């Protein structure tokens, strides 16, 4: 932990403190005064009408620029709420989250009812703010069904708000919902490396689902995302290893000018990394047939960070 982040933690800085800091340094004094007033009113009365009208009015006082947190602030954010990473949050999003966190939560039933109402009436930007705020809520564990609904959304921005750079799914979703989320991320083209807890939550059933999905893509003559194999290697059986060997063999081509070669190189790297993750002796034998990749993996030059 850096000295600056350590200082913040010792001062008992909360998520609300960080959010307020990010908003207040990018808006004018009139907006700060308005935000302070509304937060106080919401906190004291819990009146849904005051909350709803303030939540909708946020764009009148803020902009959509990113909050631009420092590295120390991001480190502190992750310490406050494990793996919270609001690097790309916007000012209006942070302000809306402050209003949500101002709601009294002591009467859980009324609190959840208010949240249900604001979710039901929200537009896309408001939904993004609400879903990314889930891990910060005092009753986060009770928002499971709402998170599952976001995952089912046909709006990619809403799905990504739940699935990407959000610690909520890894902490609260069961394997069934988690696996469906990862598979949908591949289906809609969202980057798997932005799913927090991806490696920790990998499981045998997910590996099977992803391999089946790869077979469907191959049968249709379509590319398979190299990131898919990241969740397969640890649980690969002999049939899955045959698929990995296929990827290694078929992708053993030179890079060409239209970018297909680069895609194949990424697939090859991913297959090699998946073999390295597998504990079966057969996987080690396959990897040994590609000494250059094997050496890069052993030396730390090739990791999953290279496969995006």
C-alpha atoms as a PDB file:
ATOM      1  CA  UNK A   1       0.000   0.000   0.000  1.00  0.00           C
ATOM      2  CA  UNK A   2       1.334   3.442  -0.945  1.00  0.00           C
ATOM      3  CA  UNK A   3       1.927   6.107   1.709  1.00  0.00           C
ATOM      4  CA  UNK A   4      -0.903   8.240   0.347  1.00  0.00           C
ATOM      5  CA  UNK A   5      -3.343   5.330   0.301  1.00  0.00           C
ATOM      6  CA  UNK A   6      -2.242   4.314   3.786  1.00  0.00           C
ATOM      7  CA  UNK A   7      -2.899   7.863   5.023  1.00  0.00           C
ATOM      8  CA  UNK A   8      -6.396   7.797   3.499  1.00  0.00           C
ATOM      9  CA  UNK A   9      -7.163   4.471   5.158  1.00  0.00           C
ATOM     10  CA  UNK A  10      -5.933   5.710   8.558  1.00  0.00           C
ATOM     11  CA  UNK A  11      -8.253   8.698   8.235  1.00  0.00           C
ATOM     12  CA  UNK A  12     -11.198   6.270   7.937  1.00  0.00           C
ATOM     13  CA  UNK A  13     -12.107   7.613   4.528  1.00  0.00           C
ATOM     14  CA  UNK A  14     -15.314   6.058   3.197  1.00  0.00           C
ATOM     15  CA  UNK A  15     -16.572   5.401  -0.308  1.00  0.00           C
ATOM     16  CA  UNK A  16     -18.792   8.457   0.069  1.00  0.00           C
ATOM     17  CA  UNK A  17     -15.784  10.590   0.983  1.00  0.00           C
ATOM     18  CA  UNK A  18     -13.942   9.507  -2.165  1.00  0.00           C
ATOM     19  CA  UNK A  19     -16.978  10.003  -4.388  1.00  0.00           C
ATOM     20  CA  UNK A  20     -17.579  13.459  -2.950  1.00  0.00           C
ATOM     21  CA  UNK A  21     -13.932  14.379  -3.525  1.00  0.00           C
ATOM     22  CA  UNK A  22     -14.091  13.275  -7.164  1.00  0.00           C
ATOM     23  CA  UNK A  23     -17.317  15.144  -7.849  1.00  0.00           C
ATOM     24  CA  UNK A  24     -16.511  18.362  -5.983  1.00  0.00           C
ATOM     25  CA  UNK A  25     -13.200  18.952  -7.743  1.00  0.00           C
ATOM     26  CA  UNK A  26     -14.867  18.838 -11.175  1.00  0.00           C
ATOM     27  CA  UNK A  27     -18.048  20.837 -10.665  1.00  0.00           C
ATOM     28  CA  UNK A  28     -18.725  24.442  -9.664  1.00  0.00           C
ATOM     29  CA  UNK A  29     -19.702  25.672  -6.216  1.00  0.00           C
ATOM     30  CA  UNK A  30     -23.391  25.871  -7.151  1.00  0.00           C
ATOM     31  CA  UNK A  31     -23.393  22.166  -8.009  1.00  0.00           C
ATOM     32  CA  UNK A  32     -21.574  21.284  -4.780  1.00  0.00           C
ATOM     33  CA  UNK A  33     -24.101  23.268  -2.747  1.00  0.00           C
ATOM     34  CA  UNK A  34     -27.006  21.569  -4.531  1.00  0.00           C
ATOM     35  CA  UNK A  35     -25.494  18.119  -3.981  1.00  0.00           C
ATOM     36  CA  UNK A  36     -24.879  18.813  -0.298  1.00  0.00           C
ATOM     37  CA  UNK A  37     -28.436  20.023   0.161  1.00  0.00           C
ATOM     38  CA  UNK A  38     -29.992  17.009  -1.557  1.00  0.00           C
ATOM     39  CA  UNK A  39     -27.808  14.515   0.275  1.00  0.00           C
ATOM     40  CA  UNK A  40     -28.805  16.075   3.576  1.00  0.00           C
ATOM     41  CA  UNK A  41     -32.513  16.091   2.695  1.00  0.00           C
ATOM     42  CA  UNK A  42     -32.426  12.475   1.536  1.00  0.00           C
ATOM     43  CA  UNK A  43     -30.476  11.350   4.590  1.00  0.00           C
ATOM     44  CA  UNK A  44     -32.800  13.085   7.052  1.00  0.00           C
ATOM     45  CA  UNK A  45     -36.171  12.314   5.485  1.00  0.00           C
ATOM     46  CA  UNK A  46     -35.629   9.276   3.272  1.00  0.00           C
ATOM     47  CA  UNK A  47     -38.447  10.728   1.165  1.00  0.00           C
ATOM     48  CA  UNK A  48     -38.577   8.832  -2.151  1.00  0.00           C
ATOM     49  CA  UNK A  49     -39.845  11.890  -4.056  1.00  0.00           C
ATOM     50  CA  UNK A  50     -36.848  13.996  -3.024  1.00  0.00           C
ATOM     51  CA  UNK A  51     -34.500  11.172  -3.950  1.00  0.00           C
ATOM     52  CA  UNK A  52     -36.131  10.474  -7.325  1.00  0.00           C
ATOM     53  CA  UNK A  53     -36.195  14.104  -8.412  1.00  0.00           C
ATOM     54  CA  UNK A  54     -32.592  14.702  -7.318  1.00  0.00           C
ATOM     55  CA  UNK A  55     -31.403  11.499  -8.990  1.00  0.00           C
ATOM     56  CA  UNK A  56     -32.955  12.602 -12.299  1.00  0.00           C
ATOM     57  CA  UNK A  57     -31.684  16.177 -11.953  1.00  0.00           C
ATOM     58  CA  UNK A  58     -27.990  15.267 -11.593  1.00  0.00           C
ATOM     59  CA  UNK A  59     -27.081  16.013 -15.268  1.00  0.00           C
ATOM     60  CA  UNK A  60     -28.169  19.620 -14.786  1.00  0.00           C
ATOM     61  CA  UNK A  61     -25.360  20.119 -12.276  1.00  0.00           C
ATOM     62  CA  UNK A  62     -22.635  17.753 -13.491  1.00  0.00           C
ATOM     63  CA  UNK A  63     -21.083  16.598 -16.741  1.00  0.00           C
ATOM     64  CA  UNK A  64     -20.240  13.187 -18.204  1.00  0.00           C
ATOM     65  CA  UNK A  65     -16.468  13.515 -17.950  1.00  0.00           C
ATOM     66  CA  UNK A  66     -14.519  10.813 -16.136  1.00  0.00           C
ATOM     67  CA  UNK A  67     -13.742  11.460 -12.482  1.00  0.00           C
ATOM     68  CA  UNK A  68      -9.964  11.048 -12.989  1.00  0.00           C
ATOM     69  CA  UNK A  69      -9.008   9.464  -9.668  1.00  0.00           C
ATOM     70  CA  UNK A  70      -5.352   9.257  -8.715  1.00  0.00           C
ATOM     71  CA  UNK A  71      -3.600   5.921  -8.383  1.00  0.00           C
ATOM     72  CA  UNK A  72      -3.568   6.361  -4.611  1.00  0.00           C
ATOM     73  CA  UNK A  73      -7.309   7.017  -4.588  1.00  0.00           C
ATOM     74  CA  UNK A  74      -7.957   3.910  -6.678  1.00  0.00           C
ATOM     75  CA  UNK A  75      -5.855   1.880  -4.267  1.00  0.00           C
ATOM     76  CA  UNK A  76      -7.861   3.282  -1.388  1.00  0.00           C
ATOM     77  CA  UNK A  77     -11.121   2.532  -3.210  1.00  0.00           C
ATOM     78  CA  UNK A  78     -10.092  -1.109  -3.507  1.00  0.00           C
ATOM     79  CA  UNK A  79      -9.264  -1.193   0.204  1.00  0.00           C
ATOM     80  CA  UNK A  80     -12.606   0.349   1.139  1.00  0.00           C
ATOM     81  CA  UNK A  81     -14.579  -2.095  -1.003  1.00  0.00           C
ATOM     82  CA  UNK A  82     -12.548  -5.091  -2.125  1.00  0.00           C
ATOM     83  CA  UNK A  83     -11.685  -4.780  -5.843  1.00  0.00           C
ATOM     84  CA  UNK A  84     -13.787  -1.637  -6.343  1.00  0.00           C
ATOM     85  CA  UNK A  85     -12.166  -0.011  -9.368  1.00  0.00           C
ATOM     86  CA  UNK A  86     -13.973   3.191 -10.435  1.00  0.00           C
ATOM     87  CA  UNK A  87     -11.211   4.376 -12.768  1.00  0.00           C
ATOM     88  CA  UNK A  88     -13.640   5.096 -15.597  1.00  0.00           C
ATOM     89  CA  UNK A  89     -16.619   6.317 -13.617  1.00  0.00           C
ATOM     90  CA  UNK A  90     -18.090   9.615 -14.752  1.00  0.00           C
ATOM     91  CA  UNK A  91     -18.929  12.672 -12.661  1.00  0.00           C
ATOM     92  CA  UNK A  92     -22.686  12.248 -13.059  1.00  0.00           C
ATOM     93  CA  UNK A  93     -22.347   8.567 -12.134  1.00  0.00           C
ATOM     94  CA  UNK A  94     -20.418   9.395  -8.967  1.00  0.00           C
ATOM     95  CA  UNK A  95     -22.962  12.067  -8.000  1.00  0.00           C
ATOM     96  CA  UNK A  96     -25.864   9.670  -8.489  1.00  0.00           C
ATOM     97  CA  UNK A  97     -24.096   7.072  -6.368  1.00  0.00           C
ATOM     98  CA  UNK A  98     -23.674   9.641  -3.598  1.00  0.00           C
ATOM     99  CA  UNK A  99     -27.425  10.232  -3.626  1.00  0.00           C
ATOM    100  CA  UNK A 100     -28.124   6.484  -3.483  1.00  0.00           C
ATOM    101  CA  UNK A 101     -25.734   6.089  -0.555  1.00  0.00           C
ATOM    102  CA  UNK A 102     -27.536   8.926   1.258  1.00  0.00           C
ATOM    103  CA  UNK A 103     -30.749   6.896   1.487  1.00  0.00           C
ATOM    104  CA  UNK A 104     -31.465   5.658   5.037  1.00  0.00           C
ATOM    105  CA  UNK A 105     -31.226   1.854   5.057  1.00  0.00           C
ATOM    106  CA  UNK A 106     -32.352   1.099   8.608  1.00  0.00           C
ATOM    107  CA  UNK A 107     -35.849   0.183   7.392  1.00  0.00           C
ATOM    108  CA  UNK A 108     -34.708  -2.429   4.913  1.00  0.00           C
ATOM    109  CA  UNK A 109     -38.103  -3.068   3.325  1.00  0.00           C
ATOM    110  CA  UNK A 110     -38.708   0.594   2.524  1.00  0.00           C
ATOM    111  CA  UNK A 111     -35.123   1.011   1.382  1.00  0.00           C
ATOM    112  CA  UNK A 112     -35.348  -1.889  -1.067  1.00  0.00           C
ATOM    113  CA  UNK A 113     -38.703  -0.657  -2.334  1.00  0.00           C
ATOM    114  CA  UNK A 114     -37.196   2.751  -3.114  1.00  0.00           C
ATOM    115  CA  UNK A 115     -34.307   1.100  -4.957  1.00  0.00           C
ATOM    116  CA  UNK A 116     -36.703  -1.089  -6.936  1.00  0.00           C
ATOM    117  CA  UNK A 117     -38.638   1.990  -7.999  1.00  0.00           C
ATOM    118  CA  UNK A 118     -35.582   3.903  -9.161  1.00  0.00           C
ATOM    119  CA  UNK A 119     -34.299   0.873 -11.084  1.00  0.00           C
ATOM    120  CA  UNK A 120     -37.677   0.459 -12.780  1.00  0.00           C
ATOM    121  CA  UNK A 121     -37.781   4.077 -13.969  1.00  0.00           C
ATOM    122  CA  UNK A 122     -34.102   4.551 -14.835  1.00  0.00           C
ATOM    123  CA  UNK A 123     -32.729   5.258 -18.297  1.00  0.00           C
ATOM    124  CA  UNK A 124     -29.562   3.568 -19.561  1.00  0.00           C
ATOM    125  CA  UNK A 125     -27.046   5.970 -17.977  1.00  0.00           C
ATOM    126  CA  UNK A 126     -28.925   5.854 -14.692  1.00  0.00           C
ATOM    127  CA  UNK A 127     -28.974   2.046 -14.808  1.00  0.00           C
ATOM    128  CA  UNK A 128     -25.219   1.970 -15.399  1.00  0.00           C
ATOM    129  CA  UNK A 129     -24.712   4.103 -12.289  1.00  0.00           C
ATOM    130  CA  UNK A 130     -27.076   1.966 -10.223  1.00  0.00           C
ATOM    131  CA  UNK A 131     -25.588  -1.369 -11.231  1.00  0.00           C
ATOM    132  CA  UNK A 132     -22.012  -0.230 -10.716  1.00  0.00           C
ATOM    133  CA  UNK A 133     -22.987   1.028  -7.270  1.00  0.00           C
ATOM    134  CA  UNK A 134     -24.285  -2.388  -6.154  1.00  0.00           C
ATOM    135  CA  UNK A 135     -21.143  -3.444  -4.227  1.00  0.00           C
ATOM    136  CA  UNK A 136     -21.251  -0.202  -2.215  1.00  0.00           C
ATOM    137  CA  UNK A 137     -24.805  -0.632  -0.962  1.00  0.00           C
ATOM    138  CA  UNK A 138     -25.313  -1.427   2.750  1.00  0.00           C
ATOM    139  CA  UNK A 139     -27.575  -4.357   1.794  1.00  0.00           C
ATOM    140  CA  UNK A 140     -25.643  -5.493  -1.250  1.00  0.00           C
ATOM    141  CA  UNK A 141     -26.416  -9.154  -0.602  1.00  0.00           C
ATOM    142  CA  UNK A 142     -30.137  -8.440  -1.047  1.00  0.00           C
ATOM    143  CA  UNK A 143     -29.608  -7.085  -4.570  1.00  0.00           C
ATOM    144  CA  UNK A 144     -28.880 -10.515  -6.067  1.00  0.00           C
ATOM    145  CA  UNK A 145     -32.047 -10.672  -8.169  1.00  0.00           C
ATOM    146  CA  UNK A 146     -31.473  -7.155  -9.427  1.00  0.00           C
ATOM    147  CA  UNK A 147     -27.932  -8.048 -10.502  1.00  0.00           C
ATOM    148  CA  UNK A 148     -29.243 -11.150 -12.275  1.00  0.00           C
ATOM    149  CA  UNK A 149     -31.737  -8.949 -14.118  1.00  0.00           C
ATOM    150  CA  UNK A 150     -28.920  -6.685 -15.279  1.00  0.00           C
ATOM    151  CA  UNK A 151     -27.046  -9.690 -16.627  1.00  0.00           C
ATOM    152  CA  UNK A 152     -30.126 -10.673 -18.641  1.00  0.00           C
ATOM    153  CA  UNK A 153     -30.452  -7.173 -20.112  1.00  0.00           C
ATOM    154  CA  UNK A 154     -30.310  -6.867 -23.889  1.00  0.00           C
ATOM    155  CA  UNK A 155     -28.604  -3.487 -23.478  1.00  0.00           C
ATOM    156  CA  UNK A 156     -24.861  -4.082 -23.671  1.00  0.00           C
ATOM    157  CA  UNK A 157     -24.036  -1.001 -21.599  1.00  0.00           C
ATOM    158  CA  UNK A 158     -26.229  -2.271 -18.773  1.00  0.00           C
ATOM    159  CA  UNK A 159     -24.842  -5.803 -18.982  1.00  0.00           C
ATOM    160  CA  UNK A 160     -21.283  -4.454 -18.912  1.00  0.00           C
ATOM    161  CA  UNK A 161     -22.094  -2.293 -15.884  1.00  0.00           C
ATOM    162  CA  UNK A 162     -22.804  -5.476 -13.942  1.00  0.00           C
ATOM    163  CA  UNK A 163     -20.240  -7.782 -15.514  1.00  0.00           C
ATOM    164  CA  UNK A 164     -17.137  -5.649 -16.059  1.00  0.00           C
ATOM    165  CA  UNK A 165     -14.917  -3.942 -13.477  1.00  0.00           C
ATOM    166  CA  UNK A 166     -17.548  -4.672 -10.841  1.00  0.00           C
ATOM    167  CA  UNK A 167     -16.749  -6.768  -7.746  1.00  0.00           C
ATOM    168  CA  UNK A 168     -20.404  -7.623  -7.121  1.00  0.00           C
ATOM    169  CA  UNK A 169     -20.768 -10.734  -9.350  1.00  0.00           C
ATOM    170  CA  UNK A 170     -17.666 -12.506  -8.053  1.00  0.00           C
ATOM    171  CA  UNK A 171     -18.756 -11.991  -4.454  1.00  0.00           C
ATOM    172  CA  UNK A 172     -22.473 -12.703  -4.643  1.00  0.00           C
ATOM    173  CA  UNK A 173     -23.460 -14.700  -7.741  1.00  0.00           C
ATOM    174  CA  UNK A 174     -23.801 -18.473  -7.546  1.00  0.00           C
ATOM    175  CA  UNK A 175     -22.044 -20.611 -10.146  1.00  0.00           C
ATOM    176  CA  UNK A 176     -25.096 -20.880 -12.397  1.00  0.00           C
ATOM    177  CA  UNK A 177     -25.530 -17.108 -12.704  1.00  0.00           C
ATOM    178  CA  UNK A 178     -21.770 -16.562 -12.874  1.00  0.00           C
ATOM    179  CA  UNK A 179     -21.315 -19.053 -15.700  1.00  0.00           C
ATOM    180  CA  UNK A 180     -24.173 -17.549 -17.670  1.00  0.00           C
ATOM    181  CA  UNK A 181     -22.627 -14.105 -17.252  1.00  0.00           C
ATOM    182  CA  UNK A 182     -19.216 -15.194 -18.550  1.00  0.00           C
ATOM    183  CA  UNK A 183     -20.761 -16.995 -21.514  1.00  0.00           C
ATOM    184  CA  UNK A 184     -22.900 -13.982 -22.367  1.00  0.00           C
ATOM    185  CA  UNK A 185     -19.835 -11.726 -22.170  1.00  0.00           C
ATOM    186  CA  UNK A 186     -18.242 -13.818 -24.910  1.00  0.00           C
ATOM    187  CA  UNK A 187     -21.460 -13.801 -26.921  1.00  0.00           C
ATOM    188  CA  UNK A 188     -21.791  -9.997 -26.907  1.00  0.00           C
ATOM    189  CA  UNK A 189     -18.053  -9.409 -27.376  1.00  0.00           C
ATOM    190  CA  UNK A 190     -17.256  -8.015 -23.939  1.00  0.00           C
ATOM    191  CA  UNK A 191     -13.639  -8.513 -22.775  1.00  0.00           C
ATOM    192  CA  UNK A 192     -13.321 -11.295 -20.221  1.00  0.00           C
ATOM    193  CA  UNK A 193     -10.195  -9.839 -18.631  1.00  0.00           C
ATOM    194  CA  UNK A 194     -12.324  -7.002 -17.223  1.00  0.00           C
ATOM    195  CA  UNK A 195     -14.477  -9.463 -15.275  1.00  0.00           C
ATOM    196  CA  UNK A 196     -13.232  -9.305 -11.705  1.00  0.00           C
ATOM    197  CA  UNK A 197     -12.598 -12.662 -10.085  1.00  0.00           C
ATOM    198  CA  UNK A 198     -12.540 -14.449 -13.446  1.00  0.00           C
ATOM    199  CA  UNK A 199      -9.735 -16.844 -12.509  1.00  0.00           C
ATOM    200  CA  UNK A 200     -10.890 -17.400  -8.937  1.00  0.00           C
ATOM    201  CA  UNK A 201     -14.458 -18.231  -9.983  1.00  0.00           C
ATOM    202  CA  UNK A 202     -13.517 -20.562 -12.847  1.00  0.00           C
ATOM    203  CA  UNK A 203     -15.173 -23.951 -12.432  1.00  0.00           C
ATOM    204  CA  UNK A 204     -15.545 -27.288 -14.273  1.00  0.00           C
ATOM    205  CA  UNK A 205     -19.088 -26.607 -15.503  1.00  0.00           C
ATOM    206  CA  UNK A 206     -18.034 -23.251 -16.942  1.00  0.00           C
ATOM    207  CA  UNK A 207     -15.127 -24.933 -18.731  1.00  0.00           C
ATOM    208  CA  UNK A 208     -17.528 -27.433 -20.297  1.00  0.00           C
ATOM    209  CA  UNK A 209     -19.934 -24.673 -21.363  1.00  0.00           C
ATOM    210  CA  UNK A 210     -17.141 -22.653 -22.941  1.00  0.00           C
ATOM    211  CA  UNK A 211     -15.762 -25.601 -24.889  1.00  0.00           C
ATOM    212  CA  UNK A 212     -19.263 -26.373 -26.182  1.00  0.00           C
ATOM    213  CA  UNK A 213     -19.548 -22.739 -27.240  1.00  0.00           C
ATOM    214  CA  UNK A 214     -16.185 -22.970 -29.030  1.00  0.00           C
ATOM    215  CA  UNK A 215     -17.428 -26.028 -30.941  1.00  0.00           C
ATOM    216  CA  UNK A 216     -20.536 -24.095 -32.006  1.00  0.00           C
ATOM    217  CA  UNK A 217     -18.379 -21.215 -33.254  1.00  0.00           C
ATOM    218  CA  UNK A 218     -16.082 -23.551 -35.158  1.00  0.00           C
ATOM    219  CA  UNK A 219     -19.030 -25.349 -36.753  1.00  0.00           C
ATOM    220  CA  UNK A 220     -20.339 -21.983 -37.974  1.00  0.00           C
ATOM    221  CA  UNK A 221     -16.923 -21.030 -39.365  1.00  0.00           C
ATOM    222  CA  UNK A 222     -16.443 -18.239 -36.816  1.00  0.00           C
ATOM    223  CA  UNK A 223     -13.471 -17.211 -34.692  1.00  0.00           C
ATOM    224  CA  UNK A 224     -13.259 -18.109 -31.031  1.00  0.00           C
ATOM    225  CA  UNK A 225     -12.111 -15.461 -28.578  1.00  0.00           C
ATOM    226  CA  UNK A 226      -8.656 -16.406 -27.234  1.00  0.00           C
ATOM    227  CA  UNK A 227      -9.834 -15.345 -23.771  1.00  0.00           C
ATOM    228  CA  UNK A 228     -12.279 -18.260 -23.712  1.00  0.00           C
ATOM    229  CA  UNK A 229      -9.463 -20.715 -22.949  1.00  0.00           C
ATOM    230  CA  UNK A 230      -8.492 -18.826 -19.795  1.00  0.00           C
ATOM    231  CA  UNK A 231     -11.338 -20.497 -17.896  1.00  0.00           C
ATOM    232  CA  UNK A 232     -10.722 -23.944 -19.397  1.00  0.00           C
ATOM    233  CA  UNK A 233      -7.128 -24.968 -18.692  1.00  0.00           C
ATOM    234  CA  UNK A 234      -7.409 -25.814 -14.982  1.00  0.00           C
ATOM    235  CA  UNK A 235     -10.347 -28.134 -15.638  1.00  0.00           C
ATOM    236  CA  UNK A 236      -9.371 -29.536 -19.042  1.00  0.00           C
ATOM    237  CA  UNK A 237      -9.937 -33.245 -19.609  1.00  0.00           C
ATOM    238  CA  UNK A 238      -8.479 -35.305 -22.442  1.00  0.00           C
ATOM    239  CA  UNK A 239     -11.169 -34.193 -24.913  1.00  0.00           C
ATOM    240  CA  UNK A 240     -10.601 -30.518 -24.061  1.00  0.00           C
ATOM    241  CA  UNK A 241      -6.854 -30.972 -24.467  1.00  0.00           C
ATOM    242  CA  UNK A 242      -7.518 -32.226 -27.980  1.00  0.00           C
ATOM    243  CA  UNK A 243      -9.278 -28.906 -28.652  1.00  0.00           C
ATOM    244  CA  UNK A 244      -6.321 -26.974 -27.251  1.00  0.00           C
ATOM    245  CA  UNK A 245      -3.942 -28.952 -29.430  1.00  0.00           C
ATOM    246  CA  UNK A 246      -6.145 -28.157 -32.416  1.00  0.00           C
ATOM    247  CA  UNK A 247      -5.864 -24.441 -31.643  1.00  0.00           C
ATOM    248  CA  UNK A 248      -2.090 -24.692 -31.306  1.00  0.00           C
ATOM    249  CA  UNK A 249      -1.781 -26.579 -34.578  1.00  0.00           C
ATOM    250  CA  UNK A 250      -4.163 -24.517 -36.693  1.00  0.00           C
ATOM    251  CA  UNK A 251      -2.904 -21.165 -35.411  1.00  0.00           C
ATOM    252  CA  UNK A 252       0.730 -21.935 -36.184  1.00  0.00           C
ATOM    253  CA  UNK A 253       0.879 -19.388 -39.024  1.00  0.00           C
ATOM    254  CA  UNK A 254       2.645 -16.109 -39.656  1.00  0.00           C
ATOM    255  CA  UNK A 255       1.036 -12.762 -39.042  1.00  0.00           C
ATOM    256  CA  UNK A 256      -0.521 -11.308 -42.189  1.00  0.00           C
ATOM    257  CA  UNK A 257      -1.539  -7.795 -43.173  1.00  0.00           C
ATOM    258  CA  UNK A 258      -5.285  -8.193 -42.576  1.00  0.00           C
ATOM    259  CA  UNK A 259      -4.982  -8.970 -38.891  1.00  0.00           C
ATOM    260  CA  UNK A 260      -6.071 -12.595 -39.073  1.00  0.00           C
ATOM    261  CA  UNK A 261      -2.550 -13.721 -38.334  1.00  0.00           C
ATOM    262  CA  UNK A 262      -2.472 -11.632 -35.156  1.00  0.00           C
ATOM    263  CA  UNK A 263      -5.738 -13.236 -34.051  1.00  0.00           C
ATOM    264  CA  UNK A 264      -4.236 -16.670 -34.628  1.00  0.00           C
ATOM    265  CA  UNK A 265      -1.145 -15.766 -32.625  1.00  0.00           C
ATOM    266  CA  UNK A 266      -3.322 -14.724 -29.713  1.00  0.00           C
ATOM    267  CA  UNK A 267      -5.282 -17.978 -29.963  1.00  0.00           C
ATOM    268  CA  UNK A 268      -2.035 -19.914 -29.983  1.00  0.00           C
ATOM    269  CA  UNK A 269      -0.749 -18.068 -26.915  1.00  0.00           C
ATOM    270  CA  UNK A 270      -4.038 -18.684 -25.103  1.00  0.00           C
ATOM    271  CA  UNK A 271      -3.996 -22.397 -25.884  1.00  0.00           C
ATOM    272  CA  UNK A 272      -0.425 -22.658 -24.628  1.00  0.00           C
ATOM    273  CA  UNK A 273      -1.305 -20.851 -21.398  1.00  0.00           C
ATOM    274  CA  UNK A 274      -4.312 -23.126 -20.907  1.00  0.00           C
ATOM    275  CA  UNK A 275      -2.058 -26.172 -21.314  1.00  0.00           C
ATOM    276  CA  UNK A 276       0.319 -24.686 -18.746  1.00  0.00           C
ATOM    277  CA  UNK A 277      -2.619 -24.283 -16.330  1.00  0.00           C
ATOM    278  CA  UNK A 278      -3.635 -27.927 -16.731  1.00  0.00           C
ATOM    279  CA  UNK A 279      -2.258 -30.505 -14.302  1.00  0.00           C
ATOM    280  CA  UNK A 280      -2.578 -33.489 -16.663  1.00  0.00           C
ATOM    281  CA  UNK A 281       0.748 -34.893 -17.953  1.00  0.00           C
ATOM    282  CA  UNK A 282      -0.713 -34.892 -21.460  1.00  0.00           C
ATOM    283  CA  UNK A 283      -0.999 -31.101 -21.299  1.00  0.00           C
ATOM    284  CA  UNK A 284       2.683 -30.773 -20.460  1.00  0.00           C
ATOM    285  CA  UNK A 285       3.540 -33.046 -23.370  1.00  0.00           C
ATOM    286  CA  UNK A 286       1.522 -30.883 -25.751  1.00  0.00           C
ATOM    287  CA  UNK A 287       3.154 -27.693 -24.513  1.00  0.00           C
ATOM    288  CA  UNK A 288       6.610 -29.241 -24.807  1.00  0.00           C
ATOM    289  CA  UNK A 289       6.064 -29.511 -28.569  1.00  0.00           C
ATOM    290  CA  UNK A 290       6.085 -25.720 -28.680  1.00  0.00           C
ATOM    291  CA  UNK A 291       9.329 -24.872 -26.836  1.00  0.00           C
ATOM    292  CA  UNK A 292       9.262 -21.178 -27.723  1.00  0.00           C
ATOM    293  CA  UNK A 293       5.863 -20.715 -26.087  1.00  0.00           C
ATOM    294  CA  UNK A 294       6.837 -22.954 -23.203  1.00  0.00           C
ATOM    295  CA  UNK A 295       9.984 -20.922 -22.542  1.00  0.00           C
ATOM    296  CA  UNK A 296       8.062 -17.637 -22.693  1.00  0.00           C
ATOM    297  CA  UNK A 297       5.528 -18.930 -20.162  1.00  0.00           C
ATOM    298  CA  UNK A 298       8.195 -20.257 -17.814  1.00  0.00           C
ATOM    299  CA  UNK A 299      10.116 -16.976 -18.009  1.00  0.00           C
ATOM    300  CA  UNK A 300       6.975 -14.914 -17.330  1.00  0.00           C
ATOM    301  CA  UNK A 301       7.107 -13.223 -20.735  1.00  0.00           C
ATOM    302  CA  UNK A 302       3.782 -14.764 -21.734  1.00  0.00           C
ATOM    303  CA  UNK A 303       0.866 -14.488 -19.288  1.00  0.00           C
ATOM    304  CA  UNK A 304      -2.871 -14.012 -19.600  1.00  0.00           C
ATOM    305  CA  UNK A 305      -2.228 -10.265 -19.537  1.00  0.00           C
ATOM    306  CA  UNK A 306      -0.855 -10.693 -23.068  1.00  0.00           C
ATOM    307  CA  UNK A 307      -4.109 -12.258 -24.271  1.00  0.00           C
ATOM    308  CA  UNK A 308      -6.769  -9.567 -24.654  1.00  0.00           C
END
